[in-house]
Amino acid sequence: MAKFLFEAKYNAEGAKAIAREGGSARRAAIEKAAASVGGRLESFNFAFGGTDAFVIVELPDNVTAAAMAIAVGQSGLASTTTVVLLTPEEMDAAVKKNVSYRPPGG
């Protein structure tokens, strides 16, 4: 399975819901959502600054990650940025690939 980092930003109504239900309830909801599509929640952390929560999940594939992001966005209470995470071993394999690339103007 692949790992994804979701950076979540809550709007005012989403923040009110967090205040009502609590952070643990939000983590449990994300854990349930990930499991419903064959994934697993690895970590859920709230944060200060421009991003309200950082969520790392293992999901079967990119399509499943897109489905999760769409579900969050459709709620109207939060938006996400999705980052595909690579293991060091995946990076090892990537740097061994021979890519024929011509830069612009080159």
Protein backbone atom coordinates (compact mmCIF):
# COMPACT_ATOMS: atom_id res chain seq x y z
CA MET A 1 0.00 0.00 0.00
CA ALA A 2 1.05 3.58 -0.60
CA LYS A 3 1.29 6.31 2.04
CA PHE A 4 -0.31 9.70 1.69
CA LEU A 5 -0.10 12.88 3.72
CA PHE A 6 -3.32 14.87 3.83
CA GLU A 7 -2.96 18.46 4.98
CA ALA A 8 -6.40 19.58 6.19
CA LYS A 9 -7.73 23.08 6.61
CA TYR A 10 -11.06 23.57 8.38
CA ASN A 11 -13.37 26.44 7.61
CA ALA A 12 -15.28 28.20 10.44
CA GLU A 13 -18.06 25.59 10.50
CA GLY A 14 -15.55 22.75 10.49
CA ALA A 15 -13.69 24.33 13.41
CA LYS A 16 -16.98 24.66 15.31
CA ALA A 17 -17.64 20.97 14.75
CA ILE A 18 -14.17 20.08 16.08
CA ALA A 19 -14.84 22.22 19.15
CA ARG A 20 -18.16 20.40 19.70
CA GLU A 21 -17.01 16.83 19.04
CA GLY A 22 -13.34 16.99 20.04
CA GLY A 23 -10.13 15.97 18.36
CA SER A 24 -10.35 12.29 19.29
CA ALA A 25 -13.70 12.00 17.54
CA ARG A 26 -12.19 13.48 14.37
CA ARG A 27 -9.31 10.99 14.49
CA ALA A 28 -11.79 8.12 14.95
CA ALA A 29 -13.83 9.34 11.97
CA ILE A 30 -10.77 9.45 9.72
CA GLU A 31 -9.67 6.02 10.97
CA LYS A 32 -13.10 4.65 10.02
CA ALA A 33 -13.04 6.37 6.61
CA ALA A 34 -9.60 4.94 5.79
CA ALA A 35 -10.68 1.45 6.84
CA SER A 36 -13.83 1.72 4.70
CA VAL A 37 -11.67 1.90 1.57
CA GLY A 38 -9.16 -0.74 2.59
CA GLY A 39 -6.66 1.62 4.20
CA ARG A 40 -5.19 2.36 7.60
CA LEU A 41 -4.67 5.57 9.55
CA GLU A 42 -1.03 5.88 10.58
CA SER A 43 -1.11 9.25 12.33
CA PHE A 44 -3.39 12.21 12.92
CA ASN A 45 -2.03 15.42 14.39
CA PHE A 46 -3.58 18.85 14.81
CA ALA A 47 -1.26 21.81 14.21
CA PHE A 48 -0.90 25.56 14.55
CA GLY A 49 -0.45 27.73 11.48
CA GLY A 50 -1.89 27.52 8.00
CA THR A 51 -2.63 23.80 8.20
CA ASP A 52 -5.04 22.58 10.88
CA ALA A 53 -4.28 18.86 10.72
CA PHE A 54 -1.68 16.52 9.25
CA VAL A 55 -2.97 13.03 8.51
CA ILE A 56 -0.88 10.12 7.23
CA VAL A 57 -2.79 7.15 5.84
CA GLU A 58 -1.89 3.98 4.01
CA LEU A 59 -4.24 3.48 1.08
CA PRO A 60 -4.37 0.96 -1.76
CA ASP A 61 -3.67 3.46 -4.55
CA ASN A 62 -3.90 7.00 -5.93
CA VAL A 63 -7.53 6.55 -6.94
CA THR A 64 -8.45 5.72 -3.35
CA ALA A 65 -6.52 8.75 -2.10
CA ALA A 66 -8.39 10.94 -4.57
CA ALA A 67 -11.69 9.47 -3.37
CA MET A 68 -10.78 10.35 0.23
CA ALA A 69 -9.87 13.92 -0.74
CA ILE A 70 -13.10 14.32 -2.70
CA ALA A 71 -15.17 13.02 0.24
CA VAL A 72 -13.56 15.58 2.55
CA GLY A 73 -14.03 18.40 0.06
CA GLN A 74 -17.68 17.51 -0.57
CA SER A 75 -18.40 17.97 3.12
CA GLY A 76 -17.86 21.68 2.69
CA LEU A 77 -16.23 21.85 6.15
CA ALA A 78 -12.61 21.22 5.21
CA SER A 79 -10.24 21.17 2.28
CA THR A 80 -7.16 19.03 1.79
CA THR A 81 -3.87 18.99 0.00
CA THR A 82 -2.66 15.47 -0.76
CA VAL A 83 1.02 14.51 -0.85
CA VAL A 84 2.21 11.10 -2.05
CA LEU A 85 4.90 9.82 0.32
CA LEU A 86 7.78 7.63 -0.83
CA THR A 87 9.88 5.26 1.23
CA PRO A 88 13.69 5.51 1.09
CA GLU A 89 13.68 2.24 -0.89
CA GLU A 90 11.26 3.69 -3.44
CA MET A 91 13.57 6.69 -3.81
CA ASP A 92 16.51 4.29 -4.31
CA ALA A 93 14.60 2.65 -7.16
CA ALA A 94 13.65 6.03 -8.64
CA VAL A 95 17.20 7.33 -8.84
CA LYS A 96 18.26 4.15 -10.66
CA LYS A 97 15.78 4.77 -13.50
CA ASN A 98 17.29 6.14 -16.68
CA VAL A 99 15.12 9.01 -17.91
CA SER A 100 15.66 10.57 -21.34
CA TYR A 101 14.76 14.19 -20.65
CA ARG A 102 15.44 17.40 -22.57
CA PRO A 103 15.01 20.59 -20.52
CA PRO A 104 13.20 23.58 -22.07
CA GLY A 105 15.47 25.32 -24.55
CA GLY A 106 18.00 22.47 -24.35
